[in-house]
Amino acid sequence: PGGIRVLIGSEMNDTILDDYALVLGTYNL
């Protein structure tokens, strides 16, 4: 909540995502 996380490859702990990076934030509804 309120921040940004960046996860790269194996940090996501799923082989499907080994070749990717994720930039993740949140929003309020």
mmCIF file of all heavy atoms, coordinates in Angstrom:
data_MODEL
# 
_entry.id   MODEL 
# 
loop_
_atom_site.group_PDB 
_atom_site.id 
_atom_site.type_symbol 
_atom_site.label_atom_id 
_atom_site.label_alt_id 
_atom_site.label_comp_id 
_atom_site.label_asym_id 
_atom_site.label_entity_id 
_atom_site.label_seq_id 
_atom_site.pdbx_PDB_ins_code 
_atom_site.Cartn_x 
_atom_site.Cartn_y 
_atom_site.Cartn_z 
_atom_site.occupancy 
_atom_site.B_iso_or_equiv 
_atom_site.pdbx_formal_charge 
_atom_site.auth_seq_id 
_atom_site.auth_comp_id 
_atom_site.auth_asym_id 
_atom_site.auth_atom_id 
_atom_site.pdbx_PDB_model_num 
ATOM 1   N N   . PRO A 1 1  ? 0.810   -1.212  0.000   1.00 0.00 ? 1  PRO A N   1 
ATOM 2   C CA  . PRO A 1 1  ? 0.000   0.000   0.000   1.00 0.00 ? 1  PRO A CA  1 
ATOM 3   C C   . PRO A 1 1  ? 0.846   1.266   0.000   1.00 0.00 ? 1  PRO A C   1 
ATOM 4   O O   . PRO A 1 1  ? 1.760   1.415   0.821   1.00 0.00 ? 1  PRO A O   1 
ATOM 5   C CB  . PRO A 1 1  ? -0.814  -0.124  1.296   1.00 0.00 ? 1  PRO A CB  1 
ATOM 6   C CG  . PRO A 1 1  ? -0.888  -1.589  1.554   1.00 0.00 ? 1  PRO A CG  1 
ATOM 7   C CD  . PRO A 1 1  ? 0.428   -2.149  1.070   1.00 0.00 ? 1  PRO A CD  1 
ATOM 8   N N   . GLY A 1 2  ? 0.569   2.134   -0.977  1.00 0.00 ? 2  GLY A N   1 
ATOM 9   C CA  . GLY A 1 2  ? 1.231   3.430   -1.022  1.00 0.00 ? 2  GLY A CA  1 
ATOM 10  C C   . GLY A 1 2  ? 2.632   3.428   -1.581  1.00 0.00 ? 2  GLY A C   1 
ATOM 11  O O   . GLY A 1 2  ? 3.288   4.466   -1.625  1.00 0.00 ? 2  GLY A O   1 
ATOM 12  N N   . GLY A 1 3  ? 3.126   2.279   -2.027  1.00 0.00 ? 3  GLY A N   1 
ATOM 13  C CA  . GLY A 1 3  ? 4.499   2.230   -2.523  1.00 0.00 ? 3  GLY A CA  1 
ATOM 14  C C   . GLY A 1 3  ? 4.610   1.491   -3.841  1.00 0.00 ? 3  GLY A C   1 
ATOM 15  O O   . GLY A 1 3  ? 3.632   1.015   -4.399  1.00 0.00 ? 3  GLY A O   1 
ATOM 16  N N   . ILE A 1 4  ? 5.832   1.414   -4.356  1.00 0.00 ? 4  ILE A N   1 
ATOM 17  C CA  . ILE A 1 4  ? 6.127   0.730   -5.608  1.00 0.00 ? 4  ILE A CA  1 
ATOM 18  C C   . ILE A 1 4  ? 7.092   -0.427  -5.315  1.00 0.00 ? 4  ILE A C   1 
ATOM 19  O O   . ILE A 1 4  ? 8.066   -0.249  -4.568  1.00 0.00 ? 4  ILE A O   1 
ATOM 20  C CB  . ILE A 1 4  ? 6.779   1.680   -6.630  1.00 0.00 ? 4  ILE A CB  1 
ATOM 21  C CG1 . ILE A 1 4  ? 5.831   2.822   -7.001  1.00 0.00 ? 4  ILE A CG1 1 
ATOM 22  C CG2 . ILE A 1 4  ? 7.208   0.911   -7.884  1.00 0.00 ? 4  ILE A CG2 1 
ATOM 23  C CD1 . ILE A 1 4  ? 4.676   2.434   -7.888  1.00 0.00 ? 4  ILE A CD1 1 
ATOM 24  N N   . ARG A 1 5  ? 6.805   -1.587  -5.884  1.00 0.00 ? 5  ARG A N   1 
ATOM 25  C CA  . ARG A 1 5  ? 7.733   -2.717  -5.761  1.00 0.00 ? 5  ARG A CA  1 
ATOM 26  C C   . ARG A 1 5  ? 8.189   -3.125  -7.160  1.00 0.00 ? 5  ARG A C   1 
ATOM 27  O O   . ARG A 1 5  ? 7.396   -3.098  -8.106  1.00 0.00 ? 5  ARG A O   1 
ATOM 28  C CB  . ARG A 1 5  ? 7.073   -3.910  -5.085  1.00 0.00 ? 5  ARG A CB  1 
ATOM 29  C CG  . ARG A 1 5  ? 6.702   -3.665  -3.650  1.00 0.00 ? 5  ARG A CG  1 
ATOM 30  C CD  . ARG A 1 5  ? 6.504   -4.941  -2.888  1.00 0.00 ? 5  ARG A CD  1 
ATOM 31  N NE  . ARG A 1 5  ? 7.771   -5.648  -2.674  1.00 0.00 ? 5  ARG A NE  1 
ATOM 32  C CZ  . ARG A 1 5  ? 7.908   -6.667  -1.831  1.00 0.00 ? 5  ARG A CZ  1 
ATOM 33  N NH1 . ARG A 1 5  ? 6.885   -7.093  -1.126  1.00 0.00 ? 5  ARG A NH1 1 
ATOM 34  N NH2 . ARG A 1 5  ? 9.073   -7.263  -1.693  1.00 0.00 ? 5  ARG A NH2 1 
ATOM 35  N N   . VAL A 1 6  ? 9.433   -3.525  -7.257  1.00 0.00 ? 6  VAL A N   1 
ATOM 36  C CA  . VAL A 1 6  ? 9.973   -4.030  -8.513  1.00 0.00 ? 6  VAL A CA  1 
ATOM 37  C C   . VAL A 1 6  ? 10.507  -5.435  -8.260  1.00 0.00 ? 6  VAL A C   1 
ATOM 38  O O   . VAL A 1 6  ? 11.311  -5.649  -7.340  1.00 0.00 ? 6  VAL A O   1 
ATOM 39  C CB  . VAL A 1 6  ? 11.107  -3.125  -9.043  1.00 0.00 ? 6  VAL A CB  1 
ATOM 40  C CG1 . VAL A 1 6  ? 11.690  -3.718  -10.325 1.00 0.00 ? 6  VAL A CG1 1 
ATOM 41  C CG2 . VAL A 1 6  ? 10.603  -1.708  -9.292  1.00 0.00 ? 6  VAL A CG2 1 
ATOM 42  N N   . LEU A 1 7  ? 10.038  -6.397  -9.038  1.00 0.00 ? 7  LEU A N   1 
ATOM 43  C CA  . LEU A 1 7  ? 10.479  -7.782  -8.922  1.00 0.00 ? 7  LEU A CA  1 
ATOM 44  C C   . LEU A 1 7  ? 11.031  -8.230  -10.271 1.00 0.00 ? 7  LEU A C   1 
ATOM 45  O O   . LEU A 1 7  ? 10.402  -8.000  -11.306 1.00 0.00 ? 7  LEU A O   1 
ATOM 46  C CB  . LEU A 1 7  ? 9.316   -8.677  -8.506  1.00 0.00 ? 7  LEU A CB  1 
ATOM 47  C CG  . LEU A 1 7  ? 8.684   -8.340  -7.148  1.00 0.00 ? 7  LEU A CG  1 
ATOM 48  C CD1 . LEU A 1 7  ? 7.344   -9.037  -6.997  1.00 0.00 ? 7  LEU A CD1 1 
ATOM 49  C CD2 . LEU A 1 7  ? 9.611   -8.742  -6.020  1.00 0.00 ? 7  LEU A CD2 1 
ATOM 50  N N   . ILE A 1 8  ? 12.204  -8.865  -10.233 1.00 0.00 ? 8  ILE A N   1 
ATOM 51  C CA  . ILE A 1 8  ? 12.891  -9.217  -11.476 1.00 0.00 ? 8  ILE A CA  1 
ATOM 52  C C   . ILE A 1 8  ? 13.124  -10.720 -11.539 1.00 0.00 ? 8  ILE A C   1 
ATOM 53  O O   . ILE A 1 8  ? 13.742  -11.305 -10.631 1.00 0.00 ? 8  ILE A O   1 
ATOM 54  C CB  . ILE A 1 8  ? 14.236  -8.476  -11.576 1.00 0.00 ? 8  ILE A CB  1 
ATOM 55  C CG1 . ILE A 1 8  ? 14.005  -6.959  -11.501 1.00 0.00 ? 8  ILE A CG1 1 
ATOM 56  C CG2 . ILE A 1 8  ? 14.951  -8.823  -12.872 1.00 0.00 ? 8  ILE A CG2 1 
ATOM 57  C CD1 . ILE A 1 8  ? 15.273  -6.142  -11.378 1.00 0.00 ? 8  ILE A CD1 1 
ATOM 58  N N   . GLY A 1 9  ? 12.603  -11.353 -12.608 1.00 0.00 ? 9  GLY A N   1 
ATOM 59  C CA  . GLY A 1 9  ? 12.869  -12.760 -12.874 1.00 0.00 ? 9  GLY A CA  1 
ATOM 60  C C   . GLY A 1 9  ? 12.544  -13.687 -11.725 1.00 0.00 ? 9  GLY A C   1 
ATOM 61  O O   . GLY A 1 9  ? 11.405  -13.757 -11.256 1.00 0.00 ? 9  GLY A O   1 
ATOM 62  N N   . SER A 1 10 ? 13.554  -14.389 -11.229 1.00 0.00 ? 10 SER A N   1 
ATOM 63  C CA  . SER A 1 10 ? 13.346  -15.428 -10.215 1.00 0.00 ? 10 SER A CA  1 
ATOM 64  C C   . SER A 1 10 ? 12.848  -14.874 -8.878  1.00 0.00 ? 10 SER A C   1 
ATOM 65  O O   . SER A 1 10 ? 12.386  -15.633 -8.026  1.00 0.00 ? 10 SER A O   1 
ATOM 66  C CB  . SER A 1 10 ? 14.648  -16.203 -9.991  1.00 0.00 ? 10 SER A CB  1 
ATOM 67  O OG  . SER A 1 10 ? 15.682  -15.333 -9.569  1.00 0.00 ? 10 SER A OG  1 
ATOM 68  N N   . GLU A 1 11 ? 12.919  -13.548 -8.679  1.00 0.00 ? 11 GLU A N   1 
ATOM 69  C CA  . GLU A 1 11 ? 12.379  -12.952 -7.448  1.00 0.00 ? 11 GLU A CA  1 
ATOM 70  C C   . GLU A 1 11 ? 10.881  -13.203 -7.318  1.00 0.00 ? 11 GLU A C   1 
ATOM 71  O O   . GLU A 1 11 ? 10.329  -13.136 -6.221  1.00 0.00 ? 11 GLU A O   1 
ATOM 72  C CB  . GLU A 1 11 ? 12.635  -11.437 -7.430  1.00 0.00 ? 11 GLU A CB  1 
ATOM 73  C CG  . GLU A 1 11 ? 14.089  -11.067 -7.234  1.00 0.00 ? 11 GLU A CG  1 
ATOM 74  C CD  . GLU A 1 11 ? 14.298  -9.566  -7.202  1.00 0.00 ? 11 GLU A CD  1 
ATOM 75  O OE1 . GLU A 1 11 ? 13.472  -8.815  -7.755  1.00 0.00 ? 11 GLU A OE1 1 
ATOM 76  O OE2 . GLU A 1 11 ? 15.315  -9.151  -6.630  1.00 0.00 ? 11 GLU A OE2 1 
ATOM 77  N N   . MET A 1 12 ? 10.210  -13.484 -8.442  1.00 0.00 ? 12 MET A N   1 
ATOM 78  C CA  . MET A 1 12 ? 8.765   -13.709 -8.418  1.00 0.00 ? 12 MET A CA  1 
ATOM 79  C C   . MET A 1 12 ? 8.413   -15.161 -8.095  1.00 0.00 ? 12 MET A C   1 
ATOM 80  O O   . MET A 1 12 ? 7.246   -15.512 -7.962  1.00 0.00 ? 12 MET A O   1 
ATOM 81  C CB  . MET A 1 12 ? 8.142   -13.266 -9.745  1.00 0.00 ? 12 MET A CB  1 
ATOM 82  C CG  . MET A 1 12 ? 8.158   -11.765 -9.926  1.00 0.00 ? 12 MET A CG  1 
ATOM 83  S SD  . MET A 1 12 ? 7.451   -11.191 -11.497 1.00 0.00 ? 12 MET A SD  1 
ATOM 84  C CE  . MET A 1 12 ? 8.880   -11.297 -12.579 1.00 0.00 ? 12 MET A CE  1 
ATOM 85  N N   . ASN A 1 13 ? 9.434   -16.023 -7.985  1.00 0.00 ? 13 ASN A N   1 
ATOM 86  C CA  . ASN A 1 13 ? 9.239   -17.408 -7.551  1.00 0.00 ? 13 ASN A CA  1 
ATOM 87  C C   . ASN A 1 13 ? 8.245   -18.182 -8.405  1.00 0.00 ? 13 ASN A C   1 
ATOM 88  O O   . ASN A 1 13 ? 7.417   -18.945 -7.895  1.00 0.00 ? 13 ASN A O   1 
ATOM 89  C CB  . ASN A 1 13 ? 8.796   -17.453 -6.078  1.00 0.00 ? 13 ASN A CB  1 
ATOM 90  C CG  . ASN A 1 13 ? 9.856   -16.905 -5.147  1.00 0.00 ? 13 ASN A CG  1 
ATOM 91  O OD1 . ASN A 1 13 ? 11.019  -17.290 -5.234  1.00 0.00 ? 13 ASN A OD1 1 
ATOM 92  N ND2 . ASN A 1 13 ? 9.467   -15.983 -4.282  1.00 0.00 ? 13 ASN A ND2 1 
ATOM 93  N N   . ASP A 1 14 ? 8.290   -17.958 -9.710  1.00 0.00 ? 14 ASP A N   1 
ATOM 94  C CA  . ASP A 1 14 ? 7.448   -18.712 -10.638 1.00 0.00 ? 14 ASP A CA  1 
ATOM 95  C C   . ASP A 1 14 ? 8.183   -18.818 -11.964 1.00 0.00 ? 14 ASP A C   1 
ATOM 96  O O   . ASP A 1 14 ? 8.538   -17.808 -12.567 1.00 0.00 ? 14 ASP A O   1 
ATOM 97  C CB  . ASP A 1 14 ? 6.098   -18.011 -10.832 1.00 0.00 ? 14 ASP A CB  1 
ATOM 98  C CG  . ASP A 1 14 ? 5.068   -18.923 -11.479 1.00 0.00 ? 14 ASP A CG  1 
ATOM 99  O OD1 . ASP A 1 14 ? 5.370   -19.479 -12.561 1.00 0.00 ? 14 ASP A OD1 1 
ATOM 100 O OD2 . ASP A 1 14 ? 3.971   -19.080 -10.925 1.00 0.00 ? 14 ASP A OD2 1 
ATOM 101 N N   . THR A 1 15 ? 8.386   -20.053 -12.427 1.00 0.00 ? 15 THR A N   1 
ATOM 102 C CA  . THR A 1 15 ? 9.174   -20.253 -13.655 1.00 0.00 ? 15 THR A CA  1 
ATOM 103 C C   . THR A 1 15 ? 8.550   -19.580 -14.868 1.00 0.00 ? 15 THR A C   1 
ATOM 104 O O   . THR A 1 15 ? 9.257   -19.203 -15.807 1.00 0.00 ? 15 THR A O   1 
ATOM 105 C CB  . THR A 1 15 ? 9.350   -21.753 -13.939 1.00 0.00 ? 15 THR A CB  1 
ATOM 106 O OG1 . THR A 1 15 ? 8.054   -22.382 -13.969 1.00 0.00 ? 15 THR A OG1 1 
ATOM 107 C CG2 . THR A 1 15 ? 10.198  -22.416 -12.868 1.00 0.00 ? 15 THR A CG2 1 
ATOM 108 N N   . ILE A 1 16 ? 7.226   -19.409 -14.867 1.00 0.00 ? 16 ILE A N   1 
ATOM 109 C CA  . ILE A 1 16 ? 6.546   -18.733 -15.976 1.00 0.00 ? 16 ILE A CA  1 
ATOM 110 C C   . ILE A 1 16 ? 7.075   -17.313 -16.128 1.00 0.00 ? 16 ILE A C   1 
ATOM 111 O O   . ILE A 1 16 ? 7.124   -16.753 -17.227 1.00 0.00 ? 16 ILE A O   1 
ATOM 112 C CB  . ILE A 1 16 ? 5.014   -18.693 -15.751 1.00 0.00 ? 16 ILE A CB  1 
ATOM 113 C CG1 . ILE A 1 16 ? 4.425   -20.104 -15.770 1.00 0.00 ? 16 ILE A CG1 1 
ATOM 114 C CG2 . ILE A 1 16 ? 4.311   -17.839 -16.797 1.00 0.00 ? 16 ILE A CG2 1 
ATOM 115 C CD1 . ILE A 1 16 ? 2.941   -20.148 -15.451 1.00 0.00 ? 16 ILE A CD1 1 
ATOM 116 N N   . LEU A 1 17 ? 7.509   -16.728 -15.009 1.00 0.00 ? 17 LEU A N   1 
ATOM 117 C CA  . LEU A 1 17 ? 7.885   -15.314 -14.987 1.00 0.00 ? 17 LEU A CA  1 
ATOM 118 C C   . LEU A 1 17 ? 9.393   -15.086 -14.958 1.00 0.00 ? 17 LEU A C   1 
ATOM 119 O O   . LEU A 1 17 ? 9.847   -13.954 -14.757 1.00 0.00 ? 17 LEU A O   1 
ATOM 120 C CB  . LEU A 1 17 ? 7.232   -14.644 -13.769 1.00 0.00 ? 17 LEU A CB  1 
ATOM 121 C CG  . LEU A 1 17 ? 5.699   -14.641 -13.797 1.00 0.00 ? 17 LEU A CG  1 
ATOM 122 C CD1 . LEU A 1 17 ? 5.128   -14.423 -12.401 1.00 0.00 ? 17 LEU A CD1 1 
ATOM 123 C CD2 . LEU A 1 17 ? 5.169   -13.585 -14.745 1.00 0.00 ? 17 LEU A CD2 1 
ATOM 124 N N   . ASP A 1 18 ? 10.180  -16.130 -15.163 1.00 0.00 ? 18 ASP A N   1 
ATOM 125 C CA  . ASP A 1 18 ? 11.638  -15.998 -15.079 1.00 0.00 ? 18 ASP A CA  1 
ATOM 126 C C   . ASP A 1 18 ? 12.225  -14.992 -16.067 1.00 0.00 ? 18 ASP A C   1 
ATOM 127 O O   . ASP A 1 18 ? 13.280  -14.407 -15.811 1.00 0.00 ? 18 ASP A O   1 
ATOM 128 C CB  . ASP A 1 18 ? 12.308  -17.367 -15.296 1.00 0.00 ? 18 ASP A CB  1 
ATOM 129 C CG  . ASP A 1 18 ? 12.311  -18.198 -14.024 1.00 0.00 ? 18 ASP A CG  1 
ATOM 130 O OD1 . ASP A 1 18 ? 11.956  -17.646 -12.957 1.00 0.00 ? 18 ASP A OD1 1 
ATOM 131 O OD2 . ASP A 1 18 ? 12.649  -19.391 -14.094 1.00 0.00 ? 18 ASP A OD2 1 
ATOM 132 N N   . ASP A 1 19 ? 11.560  -14.807 -17.215 1.00 0.00 ? 19 ASP A N   1 
ATOM 133 C CA  . ASP A 1 19 ? 12.089  -13.906 -18.245 1.00 0.00 ? 19 ASP A CA  1 
ATOM 134 C C   . ASP A 1 19 ? 11.553  -12.483 -18.135 1.00 0.00 ? 19 ASP A C   1 
ATOM 135 O O   . ASP A 1 19 ? 11.820  -11.651 -19.001 1.00 0.00 ? 19 ASP A O   1 
ATOM 136 C CB  . ASP A 1 19 ? 11.748  -14.448 -19.647 1.00 0.00 ? 19 ASP A CB  1 
ATOM 137 C CG  . ASP A 1 19 ? 12.458  -15.762 -19.925 1.00 0.00 ? 19 ASP A CG  1 
ATOM 138 O OD1 . ASP A 1 19 ? 13.646  -15.876 -19.582 1.00 0.00 ? 19 ASP A OD1 1 
ATOM 139 O OD2 . ASP A 1 19 ? 11.817  -16.679 -20.469 1.00 0.00 ? 19 ASP A OD2 1 
ATOM 140 N N   . TYR A 1 20 ? 10.780  -12.207 -17.078 1.00 0.00 ? 20 TYR A N   1 
ATOM 141 C CA  . TYR A 1 20 ? 10.091  -10.918 -16.984 1.00 0.00 ? 20 TYR A CA  1 
ATOM 142 C C   . TYR A 1 20 ? 10.520  -10.123 -15.764 1.00 0.00 ? 20 TYR A C   1 
ATOM 143 O O   . TYR A 1 20 ? 11.127  -10.642 -14.831 1.00 0.00 ? 20 TYR A O   1 
ATOM 144 C CB  . TYR A 1 20 ? 8.574   -11.134 -16.884 1.00 0.00 ? 20 TYR A CB  1 
ATOM 145 C CG  . TYR A 1 20 ? 7.960   -11.891 -18.029 1.00 0.00 ? 20 TYR A CG  1 
ATOM 146 C CD1 . TYR A 1 20 ? 7.773   -13.271 -17.946 1.00 0.00 ? 20 TYR A CD1 1 
ATOM 147 C CD2 . TYR A 1 20 ? 7.564   -11.244 -19.197 1.00 0.00 ? 20 TYR A CD2 1 
ATOM 148 C CE1 . TYR A 1 20 ? 7.196   -13.976 -19.003 1.00 0.00 ? 20 TYR A CE1 1 
ATOM 149 C CE2 . TYR A 1 20 ? 6.990   -11.938 -20.241 1.00 0.00 ? 20 TYR A CE2 1 
ATOM 150 C CZ  . TYR A 1 20 ? 6.808   -13.305 -20.140 1.00 0.00 ? 20 TYR A CZ  1 
ATOM 151 O OH  . TYR A 1 20 ? 6.249   -13.990 -21.171 1.00 0.00 ? 20 TYR A OH  1 
ATOM 152 N N   . ALA A 1 21 ? 10.122  -8.854  -15.779 1.00 0.00 ? 21 ALA A N   1 
ATOM 153 C CA  . ALA A 1 21 ? 10.208  -8.004  -14.591 1.00 0.00 ? 21 ALA A CA  1 
ATOM 154 C C   . ALA A 1 21 ? 8.826   -7.410  -14.342 1.00 0.00 ? 21 ALA A C   1 
ATOM 155 O O   . ALA A 1 21 ? 8.049   -7.197  -15.287 1.00 0.00 ? 21 ALA A O   1 
ATOM 156 C CB  . ALA A 1 21 ? 11.232  -6.889  -14.791 1.00 0.00 ? 21 ALA A CB  1 
ATOM 157 N N   . LEU A 1 22 ? 8.505   -7.173  -13.087 1.00 0.00 ? 22 LEU A N   1 
ATOM 158 C CA  . LEU A 1 22 ? 7.208   -6.613  -12.698 1.00 0.00 ? 22 LEU A CA  1 
ATOM 159 C C   . LEU A 1 22 ? 7.427   -5.316  -11.933 1.00 0.00 ? 22 LEU A C   1 
ATOM 160 O O   . LEU A 1 22 ? 8.218   -5.265  -10.991 1.00 0.00 ? 22 LEU A O   1 
ATOM 161 C CB  . LEU A 1 22 ? 6.457   -7.610  -11.804 1.00 0.00 ? 22 LEU A CB  1 
ATOM 162 C CG  . LEU A 1 22 ? 5.226   -7.075  -11.048 1.00 0.00 ? 22 LEU A CG  1 
ATOM 163 C CD1 . LEU A 1 22 ? 4.068   -6.805  -12.013 1.00 0.00 ? 22 LEU A CD1 1 
ATOM 164 C CD2 . LEU A 1 22 ? 4.783   -8.067  -9.976  1.00 0.00 ? 22 LEU A CD2 1 
ATOM 165 N N   . VAL A 1 23 ? 6.744   -4.253  -12.358 1.00 0.00 ? 23 VAL A N   1 
ATOM 166 C CA  . VAL A 1 23 ? 6.700   -2.999  -11.596 1.00 0.00 ? 23 VAL A CA  1 
ATOM 167 C C   . VAL A 1 23 ? 5.287   -2.890  -11.043 1.00 0.00 ? 23 VAL A C   1 
ATOM 168 O O   . VAL A 1 23 ? 4.313   -2.861  -11.805 1.00 0.00 ? 23 VAL A O   1 
ATOM 169 C CB  . VAL A 1 23 ? 7.038   -1.775  -12.478 1.00 0.00 ? 23 VAL A CB  1 
ATOM 170 C CG1 . VAL A 1 23 ? 6.967   -0.496  -11.638 1.00 0.00 ? 23 VAL A CG1 1 
ATOM 171 C CG2 . VAL A 1 23 ? 8.423   -1.922  -13.089 1.00 0.00 ? 23 VAL A CG2 1 
ATOM 172 N N   . LEU A 1 24 ? 5.158   -2.855  -9.724  1.00 0.00 ? 24 LEU A N   1 
ATOM 173 C CA  . LEU A 1 24 ? 3.855   -2.991  -9.074  1.00 0.00 ? 24 LEU A CA  1 
ATOM 174 C C   . LEU A 1 24 ? 3.565   -1.821  -8.143  1.00 0.00 ? 24 LEU A C   1 
ATOM 175 O O   . LEU A 1 24 ? 4.407   -1.440  -7.331  1.00 0.00 ? 24 LEU A O   1 
ATOM 176 C CB  . LEU A 1 24 ? 3.837   -4.313  -8.282  1.00 0.00 ? 24 LEU A CB  1 
ATOM 177 C CG  . LEU A 1 24 ? 2.623   -4.614  -7.406  1.00 0.00 ? 24 LEU A CG  1 
ATOM 178 C CD1 . LEU A 1 24 ? 1.368   -4.757  -8.255  1.00 0.00 ? 24 LEU A CD1 1 
ATOM 179 C CD2 . LEU A 1 24 ? 2.868   -5.891  -6.605  1.00 0.00 ? 24 LEU A CD2 1 
ATOM 180 N N   . GLY A 1 25 ? 2.359   -1.249  -8.290  1.00 0.00 ? 25 GLY A N   1 
ATOM 181 C CA  . GLY A 1 25 ? 1.902   -0.202  -7.386  1.00 0.00 ? 25 GLY A CA  1 
ATOM 182 C C   . GLY A 1 25 ? 0.494   -0.521  -6.927  1.00 0.00 ? 25 GLY A C   1 
ATOM 183 O O   . GLY A 1 25 ? -0.057  -1.590  -7.231  1.00 0.00 ? 25 GLY A O   1 
ATOM 184 N N   . THR A 1 26 ? -0.115  0.385   -6.175  1.00 0.00 ? 26 THR A N   1 
ATOM 185 C CA  . THR A 1 26 ? -1.490  0.192   -5.704  1.00 0.00 ? 26 THR A CA  1 
ATOM 186 C C   . THR A 1 26 ? -2.295  1.462   -5.946  1.00 0.00 ? 26 THR A C   1 
ATOM 187 O O   . THR A 1 26 ? -1.750  2.534   -6.168  1.00 0.00 ? 26 THR A O   1 
ATOM 188 C CB  . THR A 1 26 ? -1.533  -0.147  -4.201  1.00 0.00 ? 26 THR A CB  1 
ATOM 189 O OG1 . THR A 1 26 ? -0.890  0.892   -3.466  1.00 0.00 ? 26 THR A OG1 1 
ATOM 190 C CG2 . THR A 1 26 ? -0.864  -1.477  -3.916  1.00 0.00 ? 26 THR A CG2 1 
ATOM 191 N N   . TYR A 1 27 ? -3.604  1.325   -5.886  1.00 0.00 ? 27 TYR A N   1 
ATOM 192 C CA  . TYR A 1 27 ? -4.509  2.473   -5.981  1.00 0.00 ? 27 TYR A CA  1 
ATOM 193 C C   . TYR A 1 27 ? -5.653  2.251   -5.011  1.00 0.00 ? 27 TYR A C   1 
ATOM 194 O O   . TYR A 1 27 ? -5.926  1.119   -4.592  1.00 0.00 ? 27 TYR A O   1 
ATOM 195 C CB  . TYR A 1 27 ? -5.045  2.648   -7.415  1.00 0.00 ? 27 TYR A CB  1 
ATOM 196 C CG  . TYR A 1 27 ? -5.929  1.503   -7.886  1.00 0.00 ? 27 TYR A CG  1 
ATOM 197 C CD1 . TYR A 1 27 ? -7.311  1.579   -7.768  1.00 0.00 ? 27 TYR A CD1 1 
ATOM 198 C CD2 . TYR A 1 27 ? -5.380  0.343   -8.440  1.00 0.00 ? 27 TYR A CD2 1 
ATOM 199 C CE1 . TYR A 1 27 ? -8.132  0.535   -8.189  1.00 0.00 ? 27 TYR A CE1 1 
ATOM 200 C CE2 . TYR A 1 27 ? -6.178  -0.698  -8.860  1.00 0.00 ? 27 TYR A CE2 1 
ATOM 201 C CZ  . TYR A 1 27 ? -7.562  -0.602  -8.735  1.00 0.00 ? 27 TYR A CZ  1 
ATOM 202 O OH  . TYR A 1 27 ? -8.366  -1.640  -9.128  1.00 0.00 ? 27 TYR A OH  1 
ATOM 203 N N   . ASN A 1 28 ? -6.312  3.334   -4.636  1.00 0.00 ? 28 ASN A N   1 
ATOM 204 C CA  . ASN A 1 28 ? -7.441  3.253   -3.706  1.00 0.00 ? 28 ASN A CA  1 
ATOM 205 C C   . ASN A 1 28 ? -8.755  3.421   -4.451  1.00 0.00 ? 28 ASN A C   1 
ATOM 206 O O   . ASN A 1 28 ? -8.899  4.309   -5.283  1.00 0.00 ? 28 ASN A O   1 
ATOM 207 C CB  . ASN A 1 28 ? -7.326  4.332   -2.633  1.00 0.00 ? 28 ASN A CB  1 
ATOM 208 C CG  . ASN A 1 28 ? -6.111  4.127   -1.756  1.00 0.00 ? 28 ASN A CG  1 
ATOM 209 O OD1 . ASN A 1 28 ? -5.117  4.823   -1.886  1.00 0.00 ? 28 ASN A OD1 1 
ATOM 210 N ND2 . ASN A 1 28 ? -6.167  3.148   -0.884  1.00 0.00 ? 28 ASN A ND2 1 
ATOM 211 N N   . LEU A 1 29 ? -9.703  2.550   -4.118  1.00 0.00 ? 29 LEU A N   1 
ATOM 212 C CA  . LEU A 1 29 ? -11.050 2.644   -4.672  1.00 0.00 ? 29 LEU A CA  1 
ATOM 213 C C   . LEU A 1 29 ? -11.993 2.655   -3.479  1.00 0.00 ? 29 LEU A C   1 
ATOM 214 O O   . LEU A 1 29 ? -12.309 1.608   -2.919  1.00 0.00 ? 29 LEU A O   1 
ATOM 215 C CB  . LEU A 1 29 ? -11.331 1.448   -5.584  1.00 0.00 ? 29 LEU A CB  1 
ATOM 216 C CG  . LEU A 1 29 ? -12.558 1.534   -6.485  1.00 0.00 ? 29 LEU A CG  1 
ATOM 217 C CD1 . LEU A 1 29 ? -12.461 2.717   -7.434  1.00 0.00 ? 29 LEU A CD1 1 
ATOM 218 C CD2 . LEU A 1 29 ? -12.729 0.252   -7.278  1.00 0.00 ? 29 LEU A CD2 1 
# 
